[in-house]
Amino acid sequence: MPLVADNLGSGSIDSMIFVSLPLKNKIVRKIYHNGFYYCRSKCIYGTTYWVCDRAKQDNCRSRITTFDDKRKGGRPMTLLYVQAWLFTAGQRGKPKLVIENNSYFRTKGDSLRAYWSCSFYKSKKCRSKLVTHRGSHTVKYTHRPHTHPDEYSDTSSVTPLDADIDEFYIRDGKDCLA
């Protein structure tokens, strides 16, 4: 369990000991560090905050923060290499990117990246998103998997649209190819 101590000059992490002390009908978990006991104050999303057990009596402001190793290391991400870009026309004629039998519409971007959301973002509350990078055929999934069955049974059933991926790397409606 990693440790952060904010009582400056706190000492070695190796000297920290977790103890369980019997108190009436329950067992209290404490940390013993540098000759002082710390009581658990609160625990939020894998982060536990500990305060000195002399905080009230001696107005001690010493604190320790521990992190649970089981917490997530960030957003789930998957990389996928595509051989060629496949586009199809959307309901109003805008091009949609087709990846793994699902279509995506461009939400935002800049001169290097384009951000895409699943076409069923609103209708089926699908939060699947991906990012494409200029000059690369690698697609990065940045959010959850789809919440619906595949839109197309096979990519051969997609009506292709002639579009260039470089047209999607724009900022504020201006072309950034120059």
N, C-alpha and C. Protein backbone atom coordinates (compact mmCIF):
# COMPACT_ATOMS: atom_id res chain seq x y z
N MET A 1 0.86 -1.17 0.00
CA MET A 1 0.00 0.00 0.00
C MET A 1 0.90 1.23 0.00
N PRO A 2 0.94 2.02 -1.10
CA PRO A 2 1.77 3.22 -1.14
C PRO A 2 1.33 4.22 -0.08
N LEU A 3 2.26 5.05 0.34
CA LEU A 3 2.01 5.97 1.45
C LEU A 3 2.45 7.37 1.09
N VAL A 4 1.68 8.35 1.48
CA VAL A 4 2.07 9.75 1.38
C VAL A 4 1.86 10.34 2.76
N ALA A 5 2.89 10.89 3.34
CA ALA A 5 2.75 11.50 4.66
C ALA A 5 3.00 12.99 4.51
N ASP A 6 2.11 13.80 5.06
CA ASP A 6 2.30 15.24 4.92
C ASP A 6 2.67 15.91 6.23
N ASN A 7 3.30 15.17 7.13
CA ASN A 7 3.88 15.80 8.32
C ASN A 7 5.37 15.91 8.04
N LEU A 8 5.81 17.01 7.47
CA LEU A 8 7.15 17.21 6.94
C LEU A 8 8.22 16.56 7.82
N GLY A 9 9.18 15.90 7.19
CA GLY A 9 10.20 15.20 7.93
C GLY A 9 9.65 13.96 8.61
N SER A 10 8.78 13.24 7.94
CA SER A 10 8.02 12.17 8.57
C SER A 10 8.81 10.92 8.88
N GLY A 11 9.88 10.65 8.16
CA GLY A 11 10.61 9.42 8.41
C GLY A 11 10.38 8.40 7.32
N SER A 12 10.84 7.20 7.57
CA SER A 12 10.80 6.14 6.58
C SER A 12 9.43 5.49 6.49
N ILE A 13 9.05 5.15 5.28
CA ILE A 13 7.80 4.42 5.07
C ILE A 13 7.91 3.02 5.65
N ASP A 14 9.14 2.48 5.67
CA ASP A 14 9.35 1.12 6.16
C ASP A 14 8.98 0.97 7.64
N SER A 15 8.97 2.09 8.37
CA SER A 15 8.67 1.99 9.80
C SER A 15 7.18 2.06 10.10
N MET A 16 6.34 2.08 9.07
CA MET A 16 4.90 2.15 9.26
C MET A 16 4.35 0.74 9.52
N ILE A 17 3.49 0.61 10.53
CA ILE A 17 2.91 -0.69 10.88
C ILE A 17 1.40 -0.54 11.00
N PHE A 18 0.67 -1.43 10.36
CA PHE A 18 -0.79 -1.47 10.52
C PHE A 18 -1.10 -2.34 11.73
N VAL A 19 -1.90 -1.82 12.64
CA VAL A 19 -2.25 -2.57 13.85
C VAL A 19 -3.76 -2.62 14.01
N SER A 20 -4.24 -3.67 14.65
CA SER A 20 -5.66 -3.79 15.00
C SER A 20 -5.75 -3.83 16.51
N LEU A 21 -6.41 -2.85 17.08
CA LEU A 21 -6.52 -2.76 18.54
C LEU A 21 -7.94 -3.06 18.97
N PRO A 22 -8.11 -3.99 19.94
CA PRO A 22 -9.47 -4.26 20.43
C PRO A 22 -9.97 -3.09 21.28
N LEU A 23 -11.18 -2.64 21.00
CA LEU A 23 -11.79 -1.55 21.75
C LEU A 23 -13.24 -1.91 21.99
N LYS A 24 -13.58 -2.24 23.22
CA LYS A 24 -14.93 -2.67 23.61
C LYS A 24 -15.37 -3.82 22.71
N ASN A 25 -16.42 -3.63 21.91
CA ASN A 25 -16.96 -4.72 21.09
C ASN A 25 -16.46 -4.70 19.64
N LYS A 26 -15.51 -3.82 19.32
CA LYS A 26 -15.04 -3.77 17.94
C LYS A 26 -13.52 -3.68 17.91
N ILE A 27 -12.98 -3.91 16.74
CA ILE A 27 -11.54 -3.82 16.55
C ILE A 27 -11.26 -2.59 15.71
N VAL A 28 -10.37 -1.73 16.18
CA VAL A 28 -10.04 -0.49 15.49
C VAL A 28 -8.71 -0.67 14.76
N ARG A 29 -8.70 -0.36 13.48
CA ARG A 29 -7.47 -0.42 12.69
C ARG A 29 -6.76 0.92 12.79
N LYS A 30 -5.47 0.87 13.08
CA LYS A 30 -4.66 2.08 13.18
C LYS A 30 -3.33 1.85 12.48
N ILE A 31 -2.65 2.95 12.22
CA ILE A 31 -1.29 2.89 11.69
C ILE A 31 -0.36 3.40 12.79
N TYR A 32 0.71 2.66 13.02
CA TYR A 32 1.73 3.11 13.97
C TYR A 32 2.93 3.56 13.16
N HIS A 33 3.30 4.84 13.28
CA HIS A 33 4.39 5.39 12.48
C HIS A 33 5.13 6.45 13.29
N ASN A 34 6.44 6.31 13.41
CA ASN A 34 7.29 7.27 14.14
C ASN A 34 6.82 7.52 15.56
N GLY A 35 6.33 6.49 16.22
CA GLY A 35 5.93 6.62 17.61
C GLY A 35 4.53 7.15 17.84
N PHE A 36 3.76 7.33 16.78
CA PHE A 36 2.39 7.86 16.91
C PHE A 36 1.40 6.92 16.22
N TYR A 37 0.18 6.92 16.72
CA TYR A 37 -0.90 6.16 16.11
C TYR A 37 -1.74 7.10 15.24
N TYR A 38 -2.23 6.56 14.12
CA TYR A 38 -3.09 7.30 13.21
C TYR A 38 -4.39 6.53 13.04
N CYS A 39 -5.52 7.22 13.17
CA CYS A 39 -6.84 6.61 13.01
C CYS A 39 -7.37 6.91 11.61
N ARG A 40 -8.13 5.97 11.07
CA ARG A 40 -8.71 6.17 9.75
C ARG A 40 -9.79 7.24 9.83
N SER A 41 -9.65 8.26 8.98
CA SER A 41 -10.61 9.36 8.96
C SER A 41 -11.71 9.10 7.94
N LYS A 42 -11.30 8.82 6.70
CA LYS A 42 -12.28 8.51 5.65
C LYS A 42 -11.59 7.72 4.55
N CYS A 43 -12.42 7.08 3.73
CA CYS A 43 -11.92 6.28 2.62
C CYS A 43 -12.76 6.62 1.39
N ILE A 44 -12.12 7.12 0.33
CA ILE A 44 -12.83 7.52 -0.88
C ILE A 44 -12.11 6.94 -2.09
N TYR A 45 -12.81 6.10 -2.85
CA TYR A 45 -12.31 5.53 -4.10
C TYR A 45 -10.89 4.97 -3.98
N GLY A 46 -10.62 4.16 -2.97
CA GLY A 46 -9.33 3.53 -2.84
C GLY A 46 -8.27 4.39 -2.17
N THR A 47 -8.60 5.60 -1.78
CA THR A 47 -7.68 6.46 -1.05
C THR A 47 -8.17 6.55 0.39
N THR A 48 -7.29 6.24 1.33
CA THR A 48 -7.66 6.28 2.75
C THR A 48 -6.89 7.40 3.43
N TYR A 49 -7.60 8.21 4.18
CA TYR A 49 -7.02 9.34 4.89
C TYR A 49 -6.96 9.00 6.37
N TRP A 50 -5.80 9.21 7.00
CA TRP A 50 -5.56 8.89 8.40
C TRP A 50 -5.16 10.16 9.13
N VAL A 51 -5.66 10.35 10.36
CA VAL A 51 -5.30 11.51 11.18
C VAL A 51 -4.65 11.00 12.47
N CYS A 52 -3.81 11.81 13.03
CA CYS A 52 -3.15 11.46 14.29
C CYS A 52 -4.20 11.27 15.37
N ASP A 53 -4.04 10.23 16.19
CA ASP A 53 -5.06 9.99 17.21
C ASP A 53 -4.97 11.01 18.35
N ARG A 54 -3.96 11.86 18.32
CA ARG A 54 -3.84 12.95 19.29
C ARG A 54 -4.34 14.27 18.69
N ALA A 55 -5.06 14.19 17.56
CA ALA A 55 -5.51 15.40 16.86
C ALA A 55 -6.40 16.27 17.73
N LYS A 56 -7.33 15.67 18.44
CA LYS A 56 -8.26 16.46 19.27
C LYS A 56 -7.62 16.90 20.58
N GLN A 57 -6.89 16.00 21.24
CA GLN A 57 -6.31 16.34 22.54
C GLN A 57 -5.18 17.38 22.42
N ASP A 58 -4.27 17.17 21.46
CA ASP A 58 -3.08 18.02 21.35
C ASP A 58 -3.12 18.94 20.14
N ASN A 59 -4.26 18.99 19.44
CA ASN A 59 -4.40 19.80 18.23
C ASN A 59 -3.33 19.42 17.19
N CYS A 60 -3.02 18.13 17.10
CA CYS A 60 -2.03 17.63 16.15
C CYS A 60 -2.63 17.60 14.75
N ARG A 61 -1.90 18.12 13.76
CA ARG A 61 -2.41 18.19 12.39
C ARG A 61 -1.70 17.19 11.47
N SER A 62 -0.98 16.26 12.03
CA SER A 62 -0.26 15.27 11.24
C SER A 62 -1.25 14.35 10.53
N ARG A 63 -0.98 14.06 9.26
CA ARG A 63 -1.87 13.24 8.44
C ARG A 63 -1.06 12.24 7.63
N ILE A 64 -1.70 11.13 7.27
CA ILE A 64 -1.13 10.14 6.35
C ILE A 64 -2.21 9.79 5.34
N THR A 65 -1.80 9.63 4.08
CA THR A 65 -2.71 9.21 3.02
C THR A 65 -2.17 7.92 2.42
N THR A 66 -3.00 6.89 2.33
CA THR A 66 -2.61 5.64 1.69
C THR A 66 -3.51 5.39 0.49
N PHE A 67 -2.95 4.68 -0.49
CA PHE A 67 -3.68 4.38 -1.71
C PHE A 67 -3.80 2.88 -1.86
N ASP A 68 -5.00 2.41 -2.18
CA ASP A 68 -5.25 1.00 -2.40
C ASP A 68 -4.69 0.61 -3.76
N ASP A 69 -3.93 -0.46 -3.83
CA ASP A 69 -3.34 -0.89 -5.10
C ASP A 69 -4.37 -1.39 -6.09
N LYS A 70 -5.60 -1.66 -5.63
CA LYS A 70 -6.63 -2.19 -6.51
C LYS A 70 -7.33 -1.12 -7.33
N ARG A 71 -7.06 0.15 -7.04
CA ARG A 71 -7.78 1.19 -7.77
C ARG A 71 -7.35 1.21 -9.23
N LYS A 72 -8.21 1.70 -10.08
CA LYS A 72 -7.97 1.71 -11.51
C LYS A 72 -6.86 2.70 -11.84
N GLY A 73 -6.08 2.36 -12.82
CA GLY A 73 -4.97 3.20 -13.22
C GLY A 73 -5.35 4.21 -14.28
N GLY A 74 -6.58 4.59 -14.38
CA GLY A 74 -7.00 5.54 -15.39
C GLY A 74 -8.08 4.96 -16.28
N ARG A 75 -8.31 5.63 -17.36
CA ARG A 75 -9.33 5.20 -18.30
C ARG A 75 -8.91 3.94 -19.04
N PRO A 76 -9.85 3.04 -19.30
CA PRO A 76 -9.49 1.88 -20.13
C PRO A 76 -9.19 2.34 -21.55
N MET A 77 -8.17 1.73 -22.17
CA MET A 77 -7.78 2.15 -23.50
C MET A 77 -7.37 0.92 -24.30
N THR A 78 -7.75 0.89 -25.57
CA THR A 78 -7.39 -0.21 -26.46
C THR A 78 -6.90 0.38 -27.76
N LEU A 79 -5.84 -0.19 -28.31
CA LEU A 79 -5.31 0.26 -29.60
C LEU A 79 -5.69 -0.75 -30.67
N LEU A 80 -6.02 -0.25 -31.85
CA LEU A 80 -6.40 -1.10 -32.98
C LEU A 80 -5.77 -0.54 -34.24
N TYR A 81 -5.15 -1.39 -35.03
CA TYR A 81 -4.57 -0.98 -36.30
C TYR A 81 -5.55 -1.29 -37.41
N VAL A 82 -5.85 -0.30 -38.27
CA VAL A 82 -6.74 -0.51 -39.41
C VAL A 82 -5.93 -0.37 -40.69
N GLN A 83 -6.24 -1.22 -41.68
CA GLN A 83 -5.50 -1.19 -42.94
C GLN A 83 -5.93 -0.02 -43.82
N ALA A 84 -7.24 0.25 -43.84
CA ALA A 84 -7.76 1.34 -44.67
C ALA A 84 -8.95 1.96 -43.96
N TRP A 85 -9.19 3.23 -44.22
CA TRP A 85 -10.32 3.94 -43.61
C TRP A 85 -11.57 3.69 -44.43
N LEU A 86 -12.67 3.39 -43.77
CA LEU A 86 -13.95 3.16 -44.44
C LEU A 86 -14.95 4.18 -43.91
N PHE A 87 -15.54 4.91 -44.83
CA PHE A 87 -16.55 5.91 -44.47
C PHE A 87 -17.87 5.56 -45.11
N THR A 88 -18.94 5.96 -44.46
CA THR A 88 -20.29 5.82 -45.01
C THR A 88 -21.03 7.12 -44.74
N ALA A 89 -22.11 7.33 -45.47
CA ALA A 89 -22.87 8.57 -45.29
C ALA A 89 -23.79 8.45 -44.09
N GLY A 90 -23.85 9.52 -43.31
CA GLY A 90 -24.77 9.57 -42.19
C GLY A 90 -26.16 9.94 -42.66
N GLN A 91 -27.08 10.08 -41.74
CA GLN A 91 -28.48 10.37 -42.06
C GLN A 91 -28.62 11.69 -42.82
N ARG A 92 -27.81 12.66 -42.48
CA ARG A 92 -27.88 13.97 -43.14
C ARG A 92 -26.74 14.19 -44.13
N GLY A 93 -26.09 13.10 -44.53
CA GLY A 93 -25.06 13.19 -45.55
C GLY A 93 -23.64 13.38 -45.03
N LYS A 94 -23.47 13.61 -43.74
CA LYS A 94 -22.12 13.78 -43.20
C LYS A 94 -21.42 12.42 -43.16
N PRO A 95 -20.13 12.38 -43.46
CA PRO A 95 -19.42 11.10 -43.42
C PRO A 95 -19.25 10.57 -42.00
N LYS A 96 -19.41 9.26 -41.87
CA LYS A 96 -19.19 8.57 -40.60
C LYS A 96 -18.08 7.55 -40.81
N LEU A 97 -17.21 7.41 -39.82
CA LEU A 97 -16.13 6.45 -39.86
C LEU A 97 -16.64 5.09 -39.39
N VAL A 98 -16.33 4.03 -40.14
CA VAL A 98 -16.77 2.68 -39.76
C VAL A 98 -15.56 1.90 -39.27
N ILE A 99 -15.64 1.46 -38.02
CA ILE A 99 -14.58 0.65 -37.40
C ILE A 99 -15.25 -0.53 -36.71
N GLU A 100 -14.78 -1.73 -37.01
CA GLU A 100 -15.29 -2.96 -36.38
C GLU A 100 -16.82 -3.03 -36.36
N ASN A 101 -17.44 -2.85 -37.51
CA ASN A 101 -18.89 -3.00 -37.72
C ASN A 101 -19.74 -1.98 -36.96
N ASN A 102 -19.16 -0.85 -36.56
CA ASN A 102 -19.90 0.24 -35.93
C ASN A 102 -19.44 1.55 -36.55
N SER A 103 -20.34 2.52 -36.59
CA SER A 103 -19.99 3.80 -37.19
C SER A 103 -19.84 4.87 -36.11
N TYR A 104 -18.99 5.85 -36.42
CA TYR A 104 -18.67 6.93 -35.49
C TYR A 104 -18.78 8.27 -36.22
N PHE A 105 -19.23 9.29 -35.50
CA PHE A 105 -19.22 10.63 -36.07
C PHE A 105 -18.17 11.46 -35.35
N ARG A 106 -17.59 12.40 -36.08
CA ARG A 106 -16.53 13.24 -35.51
C ARG A 106 -17.15 14.26 -34.57
N THR A 107 -16.61 14.38 -33.35
CA THR A 107 -17.15 15.33 -32.39
C THR A 107 -16.28 16.57 -32.27
N LYS A 108 -14.96 16.39 -32.29
CA LYS A 108 -14.05 17.53 -32.21
C LYS A 108 -12.70 17.08 -32.71
N GLY A 109 -11.77 18.00 -32.78
CA GLY A 109 -10.44 17.64 -33.22
C GLY A 109 -9.54 18.85 -33.35
N ASP A 110 -8.30 18.58 -33.70
CA ASP A 110 -7.34 19.64 -33.98
C ASP A 110 -6.48 19.19 -35.15
N SER A 111 -5.34 19.83 -35.35
CA SER A 111 -4.53 19.51 -36.53
C SER A 111 -3.86 18.14 -36.44
N LEU A 112 -3.82 17.54 -35.26
CA LEU A 112 -3.17 16.24 -35.10
C LEU A 112 -4.11 15.09 -34.78
N ARG A 113 -5.25 15.39 -34.15
CA ARG A 113 -6.16 14.34 -33.68
C ARG A 113 -7.59 14.65 -34.11
N ALA A 114 -8.36 13.56 -34.25
CA ALA A 114 -9.81 13.69 -34.45
C ALA A 114 -10.48 12.78 -33.42
N TYR A 115 -11.49 13.31 -32.75
CA TYR A 115 -12.21 12.56 -31.72
C TYR A 115 -13.56 12.13 -32.29
N TRP A 116 -13.92 10.86 -32.06
CA TRP A 116 -15.12 10.29 -32.65
C TRP A 116 -15.98 9.65 -31.56
N SER A 117 -17.30 9.76 -31.70
CA SER A 117 -18.25 9.12 -30.79
C SER A 117 -19.12 8.16 -31.58
N CYS A 118 -19.60 7.12 -30.93
CA CYS A 118 -20.46 6.14 -31.57
C CYS A 118 -21.72 6.83 -32.10
N SER A 119 -22.22 6.38 -33.23
CA SER A 119 -23.43 6.96 -33.83
C SER A 119 -24.64 6.80 -32.94
N PHE A 120 -24.61 5.80 -32.06
CA PHE A 120 -25.73 5.57 -31.15
C PHE A 120 -25.51 6.26 -29.80
N TYR A 121 -24.73 7.33 -29.81
CA TYR A 121 -24.42 8.05 -28.58
C TYR A 121 -25.68 8.53 -27.88
N LYS A 122 -26.59 9.12 -28.63
CA LYS A 122 -27.82 9.65 -28.02
C LYS A 122 -28.94 8.63 -27.97
N SER A 123 -29.18 7.93 -29.05
CA SER A 123 -30.34 7.04 -29.10
C SER A 123 -30.23 5.85 -28.16
N LYS A 124 -29.03 5.27 -28.04
CA LYS A 124 -28.86 4.09 -27.18
C LYS A 124 -27.89 4.36 -26.03
N LYS A 125 -27.56 5.63 -25.83
CA LYS A 125 -26.66 6.06 -24.75
C LYS A 125 -25.32 5.31 -24.77
N CYS A 126 -24.82 5.04 -25.97
CA CYS A 126 -23.54 4.35 -26.11
C CYS A 126 -22.40 5.35 -25.89
N ARG A 127 -21.47 5.01 -25.02
CA ARG A 127 -20.38 5.92 -24.68
C ARG A 127 -19.05 5.51 -25.34
N SER A 128 -19.10 4.64 -26.32
CA SER A 128 -17.88 4.22 -27.00
C SER A 128 -17.31 5.39 -27.79
N LYS A 129 -16.02 5.65 -27.58
CA LYS A 129 -15.36 6.76 -28.27
C LYS A 129 -14.00 6.30 -28.75
N LEU A 130 -13.48 6.98 -29.76
CA LEU A 130 -12.15 6.67 -30.23
C LEU A 130 -11.45 7.92 -30.72
N VAL A 131 -10.14 7.80 -30.89
CA VAL A 131 -9.30 8.90 -31.34
C VAL A 131 -8.46 8.40 -32.50
N THR A 132 -8.38 9.21 -33.57
CA THR A 132 -7.48 8.91 -34.68
C THR A 132 -6.41 9.99 -34.71
N HIS A 133 -5.22 9.62 -35.16
CA HIS A 133 -4.10 10.56 -35.23
C HIS A 133 -3.67 10.72 -36.68
N ARG A 134 -3.34 11.95 -37.05
CA ARG A 134 -2.92 12.26 -38.41
C ARG A 134 -1.68 11.43 -38.78
N GLY A 135 -1.71 10.84 -39.96
CA GLY A 135 -0.57 10.07 -40.45
C GLY A 135 -0.43 8.68 -39.84
N SER A 136 -1.41 8.24 -39.07
CA SER A 136 -1.33 6.93 -38.43
C SER A 136 -2.59 6.13 -38.73
N HIS A 137 -2.43 4.83 -38.85
CA HIS A 137 -3.58 3.95 -39.05
C HIS A 137 -3.95 3.24 -37.75
N THR A 138 -3.55 3.81 -36.64
CA THR A 138 -3.88 3.26 -35.33
C THR A 138 -5.05 4.02 -34.74
N VAL A 139 -6.02 3.27 -34.25
CA VAL A 139 -7.21 3.85 -33.61
C VAL A 139 -7.11 3.56 -32.12
N LYS A 140 -7.38 4.56 -31.31
CA LYS A 140 -7.32 4.39 -29.86
C LYS A 140 -8.72 4.50 -29.28
N TYR A 141 -9.22 3.39 -28.71
CA TYR A 141 -10.50 3.42 -28.00
C TYR A 141 -10.24 4.01 -26.62
N THR A 142 -11.02 5.02 -26.24
CA THR A 142 -10.75 5.69 -24.97
C THR A 142 -11.85 5.51 -23.94
N HIS A 143 -12.95 4.89 -24.29
CA HIS A 143 -14.04 4.73 -23.32
C HIS A 143 -14.58 3.31 -23.36
N ARG A 144 -15.76 3.15 -22.87
CA ARG A 144 -16.38 1.84 -22.69
C ARG A 144 -16.69 1.14 -24.01
N PRO A 145 -16.94 -0.16 -23.92
CA PRO A 145 -17.40 -0.88 -25.11
C PRO A 145 -18.82 -0.46 -25.46
N HIS A 146 -19.28 -0.90 -26.61
CA HIS A 146 -20.62 -0.53 -27.07
C HIS A 146 -21.70 -1.12 -26.17
N THR A 147 -22.81 -0.40 -26.08
CA THR A 147 -23.95 -0.85 -25.26
C THR A 147 -25.05 -1.44 -26.14
N HIS A 148 -24.72 -1.77 -27.37
CA HIS A 148 -25.71 -2.25 -28.34
C HIS A 148 -25.04 -3.26 -29.26
N PRO A 149 -25.83 -4.04 -29.99
CA PRO A 149 -25.23 -4.97 -30.96
C PRO A 149 -24.56 -4.19 -32.10
N ASP A 150 -23.69 -4.86 -32.85
CA ASP A 150 -23.02 -4.21 -33.97
C ASP A 150 -24.03 -3.61 -34.94
N GLU A 151 -23.68 -2.46 -35.47
CA GLU A 151 -24.55 -1.77 -36.42
C GLU A 151 -24.60 -2.50 -37.76
N TYR A 152 -23.47 -3.04 -38.17
CA TYR A 152 -23.38 -3.77 -39.43
C TYR A 152 -22.98 -5.22 -39.14
N SER A 153 -23.59 -6.15 -39.86
CA SER A 153 -23.23 -7.55 -39.67
C SER A 153 -21.84 -7.83 -40.25
N ASP A 154 -21.50 -7.11 -41.30
CA ASP A 154 -20.20 -7.26 -41.94
C ASP A 154 -19.87 -5.94 -42.64
N THR A 155 -18.60 -5.61 -42.77
CA THR A 155 -18.25 -4.35 -43.42
C THR A 155 -18.59 -4.36 -44.91
N SER A 156 -18.84 -5.54 -45.48
CA SER A 156 -19.23 -5.60 -46.90
C SER A 156 -20.64 -5.04 -47.10
N SER A 157 -21.44 -4.97 -46.02
CA SER A 157 -22.80 -4.42 -46.14
C SER A 157 -22.82 -2.90 -46.02
N VAL A 158 -21.65 -2.28 -45.81
CA VAL A 158 -21.56 -0.82 -45.69
C VAL A 158 -21.49 -0.20 -47.08
N THR A 159 -22.30 0.83 -47.30
CA THR A 159 -22.21 1.59 -48.55
C THR A 159 -21.06 2.58 -48.40
N PRO A 160 -19.94 2.34 -49.10
CA PRO A 160 -18.77 3.19 -48.89
C PRO A 160 -18.97 4.61 -49.44
N LEU A 161 -18.32 5.54 -48.80
CA LEU A 161 -18.35 6.94 -49.21
C LEU A 161 -16.91 7.36 -49.43
N ASP A 162 -16.66 8.04 -50.54
CA ASP A 162 -15.30 8.48 -50.85
C ASP A 162 -14.98 9.71 -49.99
N ALA A 163 -14.14 9.52 -48.99
CA ALA A 163 -13.74 10.63 -48.10
C ALA A 163 -12.29 10.43 -47.70
N ASP A 164 -11.62 11.52 -47.43
CA ASP A 164 -10.23 11.49 -47.02
C ASP A 164 -10.14 11.76 -45.52
N ILE A 165 -9.42 10.91 -44.80
CA ILE A 165 -9.31 11.06 -43.35
C ILE A 165 -8.67 12.39 -42.98
N ASP A 166 -7.79 12.92 -43.82
CA ASP A 166 -7.12 14.19 -43.51
C ASP A 166 -8.08 15.37 -43.47
N GLU A 167 -9.25 15.23 -44.05
CA GLU A 167 -10.25 16.31 -44.01
C GLU A 167 -10.81 16.51 -42.60
N PHE A 168 -10.62 15.53 -41.73
CA PHE A 168 -11.20 15.60 -40.39
C PHE A 168 -10.26 16.23 -39.36
N TYR A 169 -9.03 16.53 -39.76
CA TYR A 169 -8.09 17.16 -38.83
C TYR A 169 -8.15 18.67 -39.02
N ILE A 170 -9.20 19.24 -38.47
CA ILE A 170 -9.42 20.68 -38.59
C ILE A 170 -9.64 21.26 -37.20
N ARG A 171 -9.48 22.58 -37.11
CA ARG A 171 -9.73 23.27 -35.84
C ARG A 171 -10.57 24.51 -36.15
N ASP A 172 -11.64 24.68 -35.42
CA ASP A 172 -12.52 25.85 -35.54
C ASP A 172 -12.99 26.07 -36.97
N GLY A 173 -13.23 25.00 -37.70
CA GLY A 173 -13.76 25.12 -39.05
C GLY A 173 -12.72 25.52 -40.08
N LYS A 174 -11.44 25.67 -39.69
CA LYS A 174 -10.39 26.04 -40.63
C LYS A 174 -9.53 24.82 -40.91
N ASP A 175 -9.06 24.72 -42.14
CA ASP A 175 -8.23 23.59 -42.52
C ASP A 175 -6.83 23.78 -41.95
N CYS A 176 -6.26 22.74 -41.36
CA CYS A 176 -4.94 22.83 -40.74
C CYS A 176 -3.90 22.05 -41.53
N LEU A 177 -4.15 21.76 -42.77
CA LEU A 177 -3.20 21.00 -43.56
C LEU A 177 -1.99 21.84 -43.96
N ALA A 178 -2.16 23.12 -44.08
CA ALA A 178 -1.09 23.99 -44.55
C ALA A 178 0.07 23.91 -43.61
